Each structure stands twice: as C-alpha cells, then as structure tokens.
Amino acid sequence: MTHDRPDLKEPESSGGIQSLDAALRLLQTMSGYGRAVSLSQIARDCGMPLSKAHRYLASFIHAGIVEQAGRSGKYDLGRGAIQLGLSALARHDFVNRTAETLPDLCEETGLTGLLSVWGDQGATVVRWERTASPTITSMGLGTTLPLLNSATGRTFLAWAPAAQIHSMLDFELRQARRNPDIIPDLTISAAGVAQLQNQIRKAGYASVDGRFIPGLVAIAAPILDWQNQTQAAVTLISTDATVIQPGSETIARLLAFTAEHSLCDASGEATSDNGEKAG
C-alpha cells in the first residue's frame, strides 16, 4: 500500500528521489505550455492525482517559482522561475561546451570540423579539429570566413542578428556586384539574400560545393541561444560531394550535434537538454 503524503520519506530510485523527480517533471511540463493552465491539465499531463499535483504547486507558489491567477485559478511559472532561468542562461557557455565535444563529432563522421564565432572581422575559426586523414586546406585557427560564399558564413547569415552582420553583408554584396562569379548560386540583391536565408533556415543548415574551394565541400549548422540567434557555427569539411546531399547521414549527425548544444532548434522552438523540443 502506498501513501500519497509529502511528509513521508520516499525511496531513492536510480540515484534520485522519487518525489523530487516528480516535482521537477511537473515544472518541466509547465515550461512547455507557454501560457497559464489549469490544475487538471497539469495533473493529467504529468500523470499525477489532482491532490498530489496541487501540493507540489502550492510548494512552488510558496517558493515564488509558480504563480496562480486570481479569477481563473490557472497556474503559470512565476518570477522565481524567471530568475532561475536567467541565472542559468548567464552561465551557459555555448562555445566551450561545443568545443569539448567537437572531437567526438569529427571521429564519428571522419571529417575535419571547425567551430566559429562572430568576431570583428566576421566568422572566425576558434577551434579546428582534424581527423586521422585530415583535409588539406590553408584554413586554421583565426581564419575569417566570408559571409556569402562559405557554409560557416551562411550559417551566421541565416541566424545572426541583422545588425550584427549588416556591415559585412553590405561589403560582400558590393564586391559581388563587381564580380558576380564569386557567388554563382546567389542572385546579387536584397531579395536574393532573403531567399538564401529562407532556404537555409528551412533546411536547418548551410552548405557549399566545390565551386567555392575546388575539391572541397562543407556543411555548417548553428548553435542557437534562447532567442534563436547563433552563438557559434559548427562546420564539417569533406572531399566527398555526397556529404552535402540532402538527407545524408553526415547532415543528420551534424544537426543532431548542434541541437544537443542549442537552446532552440533551427525552427526557433525551445529544446530540452537532450536536444529534443521542449513540451
């Protein structure tokens, strides 16, 4: 016989405390709603009795993590949850966390990988990971990559704030108007850039073929923050043209990797710690 009483000590399971696991599951469920919801919906979605869900919510209200609307009686995340979230976001190190596991991605795919951030001169390589059979290229740490005709640059083109890339975009468009052959797959205009951005966002990644660097192809995807803006770009380089074909295993692995390190997926939806969409 089990007792649904919070004052009773519950056994630990799989290294955790069952009652705490249930409470955290309730909070995680609430984080996915995006609005205030009723007690019955919370209990149903968490698979809890109403009385148990109510007791957890009462404790969270006392701690300021949950608020309850006056007339409707519905529950929503409170100021305490906001403060907790902001504190966690301030501690989130997108670049170093991604850099630590980049070698694993390169080992799994057998491809050279690089991690880039946006610097004063544009997309800048801050981590370069070579495989046992490295791709021969002049690129390395500190290399800056063009916005419009590199997979890395195009990732920032699609997901970076417009103000951040504006001057670089203007500069490269002026160059391209003088020499359109440097970007053969782009209509050199604002409309052409917007079309390219939409294509990349829809696919969730950017790619370039051997027309840009003879013999090399590349795919890149963003590490996205809570505002769906890119904090970094992860790029894989290969001599195999099949790597950049839609639906390739390499693209799937890259997207899974960047999702694991992002707080949003490429569509702008929040993700959980394992890269799945929250809620």
Protein backbone atom coordinates (compact mmCIF):
# COMPACT_ATOMS: atom_id res chain seq x y z
CA MET A 1 0.00 0.00 0.00
CA THR A 2 1.37 3.39 -0.93
CA HIS A 3 0.70 6.69 0.80
CA ASP A 4 0.31 9.91 -1.19
CA ARG A 5 1.75 12.08 1.59
CA PRO A 6 4.57 14.57 1.05
CA ASP A 7 5.76 14.23 4.65
CA LEU A 8 6.63 10.57 4.14
CA LYS A 9 10.17 9.84 3.05
CA GLU A 10 10.16 8.35 -0.44
CA PRO A 11 12.79 5.85 -1.54
CA GLU A 12 15.61 6.88 -3.78
CA SER A 13 15.46 5.44 -7.29
CA SER A 14 18.20 5.35 -9.89
CA GLY A 15 20.27 7.83 -7.92
CA GLY A 16 17.39 10.27 -7.41
CA ILE A 17 14.49 10.95 -5.04
CA GLN A 18 11.13 9.98 -6.49
CA SER A 19 9.18 12.91 -5.06
CA LEU A 20 11.77 15.39 -6.31
CA ASP A 21 11.84 13.75 -9.72
CA ALA A 22 8.07 14.09 -9.90
CA ALA A 23 8.19 17.75 -8.85
CA LEU A 24 10.81 18.58 -11.46
CA ARG A 25 8.81 16.72 -14.09
CA LEU A 26 5.85 18.93 -13.23
CA LEU A 27 7.94 22.09 -13.67
CA GLN A 28 9.35 20.84 -16.96
CA THR A 29 5.83 20.16 -18.18
CA MET A 30 4.75 23.67 -17.24
CA SER A 31 7.71 25.17 -19.08
CA GLY A 32 6.39 23.75 -22.32
CA TYR A 33 2.91 25.29 -22.17
CA GLY A 34 3.75 28.91 -22.91
CA ARG A 35 0.63 30.03 -21.01
CA ALA A 36 -1.25 29.62 -17.73
CA VAL A 37 -3.03 26.27 -17.45
CA SER A 38 -5.47 24.55 -15.14
CA LEU A 39 -4.62 22.16 -12.34
CA SER A 40 -6.46 19.35 -14.11
CA GLN A 41 -4.37 19.75 -17.27
CA ILE A 42 -1.10 19.81 -15.35
CA ALA A 43 -2.07 16.71 -13.37
CA ARG A 44 -3.22 14.89 -16.49
CA ASP A 45 -0.08 15.70 -18.49
CA CYS A 46 2.15 14.67 -15.57
CA GLY A 47 0.18 11.51 -14.82
CA MET A 48 -0.47 12.62 -11.23
CA PRO A 49 -3.52 12.63 -8.97
CA LEU A 50 -5.02 16.12 -8.64
CA SER A 51 -4.21 16.24 -4.93
CA LYS A 52 -0.56 15.44 -5.47
CA ALA A 53 -0.14 17.99 -8.27
CA HIS A 54 -1.88 20.59 -6.12
CA ARG A 55 0.53 20.04 -3.22
CA TYR A 56 3.55 20.41 -5.48
CA LEU A 57 2.11 23.60 -6.97
CA ALA A 58 1.40 25.01 -3.51
CA SER A 59 5.04 24.49 -2.55
CA PHE A 60 6.23 26.09 -5.78
CA ILE A 61 3.94 29.09 -5.17
CA HIS A 62 5.42 29.47 -1.70
CA ALA A 63 8.91 29.50 -3.25
CA GLY A 64 7.87 32.02 -5.91
CA ILE A 65 8.54 29.58 -8.77
CA VAL A 66 4.84 29.30 -9.71
CA GLU A 67 2.05 31.89 -9.71
CA GLN A 68 -1.70 31.41 -9.69
CA ALA A 69 -4.09 33.75 -11.46
CA GLY A 70 -6.77 35.22 -9.22
CA ARG A 71 -10.02 34.66 -11.13
CA SER A 72 -9.19 31.72 -13.37
CA GLY A 73 -7.13 29.89 -10.78
CA LYS A 74 -4.77 28.75 -13.51
CA TYR A 75 -1.09 28.21 -12.86
CA ASP A 76 1.94 29.68 -14.60
CA LEU A 77 5.68 29.98 -13.97
CA GLY A 78 6.50 32.83 -11.60
CA ARG A 79 9.28 35.34 -11.04
CA GLY A 80 11.40 32.81 -9.21
CA ALA A 81 11.43 30.60 -12.28
CA ILE A 82 12.41 33.58 -14.43
CA GLN A 83 15.29 34.46 -12.11
CA LEU A 84 16.43 30.85 -12.07
CA GLY A 85 16.29 30.66 -15.85
CA LEU A 86 18.18 33.91 -16.35
CA SER A 87 20.85 32.76 -13.93
CA ALA A 88 21.26 29.51 -15.84
CA LEU A 89 21.41 31.34 -19.17
CA ALA A 90 24.12 33.64 -17.86
CA ARG A 91 26.21 30.59 -17.00
CA HIS A 92 25.67 28.80 -20.32
CA ASP A 93 28.93 28.68 -22.25
CA PHE A 94 27.94 27.74 -25.79
CA VAL A 95 31.43 27.87 -27.27
CA ASN A 96 33.43 25.88 -24.72
CA ARG A 97 30.74 23.25 -24.26
CA THR A 98 30.60 22.69 -28.00
CA ALA A 99 34.37 22.70 -28.37
CA GLU A 100 34.71 19.95 -25.77
CA THR A 101 32.62 17.51 -27.81
CA LEU A 102 33.64 18.58 -31.33
CA PRO A 103 36.31 15.83 -31.43
CA ASP A 104 33.56 13.24 -30.90
CA LEU A 105 31.61 14.57 -33.89
CA CYS A 106 34.72 14.52 -36.07
CA GLU A 107 35.56 10.97 -35.01
CA GLU A 108 32.02 9.77 -35.74
CA THR A 109 31.88 11.35 -39.18
CA GLY A 110 35.55 11.00 -40.11
CA LEU A 111 35.57 14.64 -41.22
CA THR A 112 37.54 17.71 -40.31
CA GLY A 113 35.48 20.06 -38.16
CA LEU A 114 35.69 23.63 -37.07
CA LEU A 115 33.91 25.84 -34.57
CA SER A 116 33.48 29.51 -35.42
CA VAL A 117 32.14 32.60 -33.67
CA TRP A 118 31.32 36.05 -35.00
CA GLY A 119 34.18 38.48 -34.43
CA ASP A 120 35.15 41.97 -35.54
CA GLN A 121 36.23 40.65 -38.94
CA GLY A 122 33.33 38.24 -39.40
CA ALA A 123 33.01 34.49 -38.87
CA THR A 124 36.23 33.47 -37.10
CA VAL A 125 37.53 29.93 -36.53
CA VAL A 126 38.23 29.34 -32.82
CA ARG A 127 38.55 25.53 -32.83
CA TRP A 128 39.95 23.29 -35.56
CA GLU A 129 39.65 19.53 -35.20
CA ARG A 130 41.46 17.32 -37.69
CA THR A 131 40.81 13.64 -38.24
CA ALA A 132 43.28 10.82 -38.84
CA SER A 133 43.07 11.69 -42.54
CA PRO A 134 42.94 15.49 -42.40
CA THR A 135 41.56 17.58 -45.23
CA ILE A 136 44.33 19.61 -46.83
CA THR A 137 43.41 23.29 -46.63
CA SER A 138 45.06 26.57 -45.73
CA MET A 139 42.40 27.34 -43.14
CA GLY A 140 43.18 27.17 -39.43
CA LEU A 141 42.65 28.87 -36.10
CA GLY A 142 41.89 32.57 -36.52
CA THR A 143 40.84 32.23 -40.15
CA THR A 144 37.92 34.51 -41.05
CA LEU A 145 35.36 33.14 -43.47
CA PRO A 146 33.19 35.09 -45.90
CA LEU A 147 29.54 35.61 -45.14
CA LEU A 148 28.05 34.79 -48.53
CA ASN A 149 30.21 32.05 -50.03
CA SER A 150 31.17 29.82 -47.10
CA ALA A 151 28.96 27.35 -45.27
CA THR A 152 30.09 28.86 -41.96
CA GLY A 153 29.34 32.42 -43.06
CA ARG A 154 25.95 31.43 -44.43
CA THR A 155 25.02 29.98 -41.06
CA PHE A 156 25.56 33.40 -39.49
CA LEU A 157 23.74 34.98 -42.44
CA ALA A 158 20.65 32.93 -41.62
CA TRP A 159 20.62 33.08 -37.81
CA ALA A 160 22.71 36.05 -36.63
CA PRO A 161 21.01 39.35 -35.72
CA ALA A 162 20.70 41.59 -38.78
CA ALA A 163 22.55 44.45 -37.10
CA GLN A 164 25.50 42.19 -36.33
CA ILE A 165 26.15 41.18 -39.93
CA HIS A 166 24.92 44.32 -41.70
CA SER A 167 28.28 45.94 -42.49
CA MET A 168 29.86 42.66 -43.63
CA LEU A 169 26.85 41.83 -45.78
CA ASP A 170 26.93 45.26 -47.40
CA PHE A 171 30.65 44.94 -48.11
CA GLU A 172 30.36 41.48 -49.68
CA LEU A 173 27.35 42.45 -51.79
CA ARG A 174 29.31 45.38 -53.22
CA GLN A 175 32.16 43.02 -54.06
CA ALA A 176 29.78 40.51 -55.64
CA ARG A 177 28.16 43.15 -57.84
CA ARG A 178 31.59 43.84 -59.31
CA ASN A 179 32.32 40.14 -59.72
CA PRO A 180 29.12 38.02 -59.69
CA ASP A 181 31.06 34.81 -60.45
CA ILE A 182 32.36 34.61 -56.88
CA ILE A 183 28.87 33.62 -55.68
CA PRO A 184 27.38 31.62 -58.57
CA ASP A 185 24.33 30.35 -56.67
CA LEU A 186 23.13 33.73 -55.39
CA THR A 187 21.12 36.48 -57.03
CA ILE A 188 23.08 39.57 -56.01
CA SER A 189 20.30 41.62 -54.43
CA ALA A 190 18.47 42.05 -51.15
CA ALA A 191 15.76 39.73 -52.45
CA GLY A 192 18.36 37.14 -53.40
CA VAL A 193 19.90 37.27 -49.93
CA ALA A 194 16.48 36.93 -48.30
CA GLN A 195 15.73 33.91 -50.48
CA LEU A 196 19.03 32.29 -49.49
CA GLN A 197 18.36 32.96 -45.80
CA ASN A 198 14.94 31.36 -46.03
CA GLN A 199 16.34 28.30 -47.80
CA ILE A 200 18.99 27.81 -45.12
CA ARG A 201 16.56 28.27 -42.23
CA LYS A 202 14.13 25.82 -43.79
CA ALA A 203 16.86 23.20 -44.22
CA GLY A 204 18.39 23.88 -40.79
CA TYR A 205 21.92 24.04 -42.18
CA ALA A 206 24.05 25.71 -44.86
CA SER A 207 26.27 24.08 -47.46
CA VAL A 208 28.66 24.99 -50.25
CA ASP A 209 30.02 22.79 -53.02
CA GLY A 210 33.34 22.59 -54.83
CA ARG A 211 32.72 25.76 -56.83
CA PHE A 212 33.89 27.85 -53.88
CA ILE A 213 37.01 25.93 -52.86
CA PRO A 214 37.88 23.44 -55.63
CA GLY A 215 37.75 19.88 -54.37
CA LEU A 216 36.13 20.70 -51.02
CA VAL A 217 32.53 20.71 -49.82
CA ALA A 218 31.24 21.91 -46.45
CA ILE A 219 28.13 21.84 -44.30
CA ALA A 220 27.51 24.05 -41.28
CA ALA A 221 24.78 24.41 -38.66
CA PRO A 222 24.21 26.89 -35.83
CA ILE A 223 24.49 26.67 -32.08
CA LEU A 224 21.41 28.69 -31.14
CA ASP A 225 20.66 30.60 -27.96
CA TRP A 226 17.25 31.16 -26.31
CA GLN A 227 16.49 33.96 -28.81
CA ASN A 228 17.05 31.64 -31.77
CA GLN A 229 20.24 33.52 -32.67
CA THR A 230 23.52 31.83 -33.48
CA GLN A 231 26.23 31.90 -30.84
CA ALA A 232 28.56 29.74 -32.91
CA ALA A 233 28.66 27.65 -36.06
CA VAL A 234 29.86 24.06 -36.43
CA THR A 235 31.24 23.14 -39.84
CA LEU A 236 32.31 19.83 -41.38
CA ILE A 237 34.62 19.78 -44.39
CA SER A 238 34.99 16.92 -46.88
CA THR A 239 36.21 15.99 -50.33
CA ASP A 240 33.16 13.73 -50.79
CA ALA A 241 30.37 15.55 -52.62
CA THR A 242 27.73 13.12 -51.30
CA VAL A 243 28.20 14.61 -47.81
CA ILE A 244 26.24 17.73 -48.75
CA GLN A 245 23.41 15.88 -50.48
CA PRO A 246 20.06 16.43 -48.70
CA GLY A 247 19.29 13.54 -46.38
CA SER A 248 22.88 12.38 -45.95
CA GLU A 249 23.87 10.70 -42.69
CA THR A 250 26.51 13.37 -42.12
CA ILE A 251 23.94 16.16 -42.27
CA ALA A 252 21.71 14.26 -39.85
CA ARG A 253 24.59 13.79 -37.41
CA LEU A 254 25.60 17.46 -37.64
CA LEU A 255 22.05 18.62 -36.96
CA ALA A 256 21.73 16.26 -34.00
CA PHE A 257 25.03 17.54 -32.61
CA THR A 258 24.11 21.23 -32.87
CA ALA A 259 20.65 20.56 -31.44
CA GLU A 260 22.27 18.97 -28.39
CA HIS A 261 24.21 22.18 -27.76
CA SER A 262 21.46 24.68 -28.59
CA LEU A 263 18.63 26.15 -26.52
CA CYS A 264 16.40 26.40 -29.61
CA ASP A 265 16.18 24.23 -32.68
CA ALA A 266 16.59 25.80 -36.12
CA SER A 267 12.84 26.46 -36.33
CA GLY A 268 13.01 28.64 -33.22
CA GLU A 269 11.38 26.20 -30.77
CA ALA A 270 12.95 25.68 -27.37
CA THR A 271 14.76 22.40 -26.83
CA SER A 272 15.43 20.32 -23.74
CA ASP A 273 18.87 19.32 -22.53
CA ASN A 274 18.99 16.35 -24.88
CA GLY A 275 18.20 18.43 -27.94
CA GLU A 276 14.52 17.46 -28.14
CA LYS A 277 11.79 20.08 -28.45
CA ALA A 278 10.58 21.09 -25.01
CA GLY A 279 6.96 20.38 -24.22
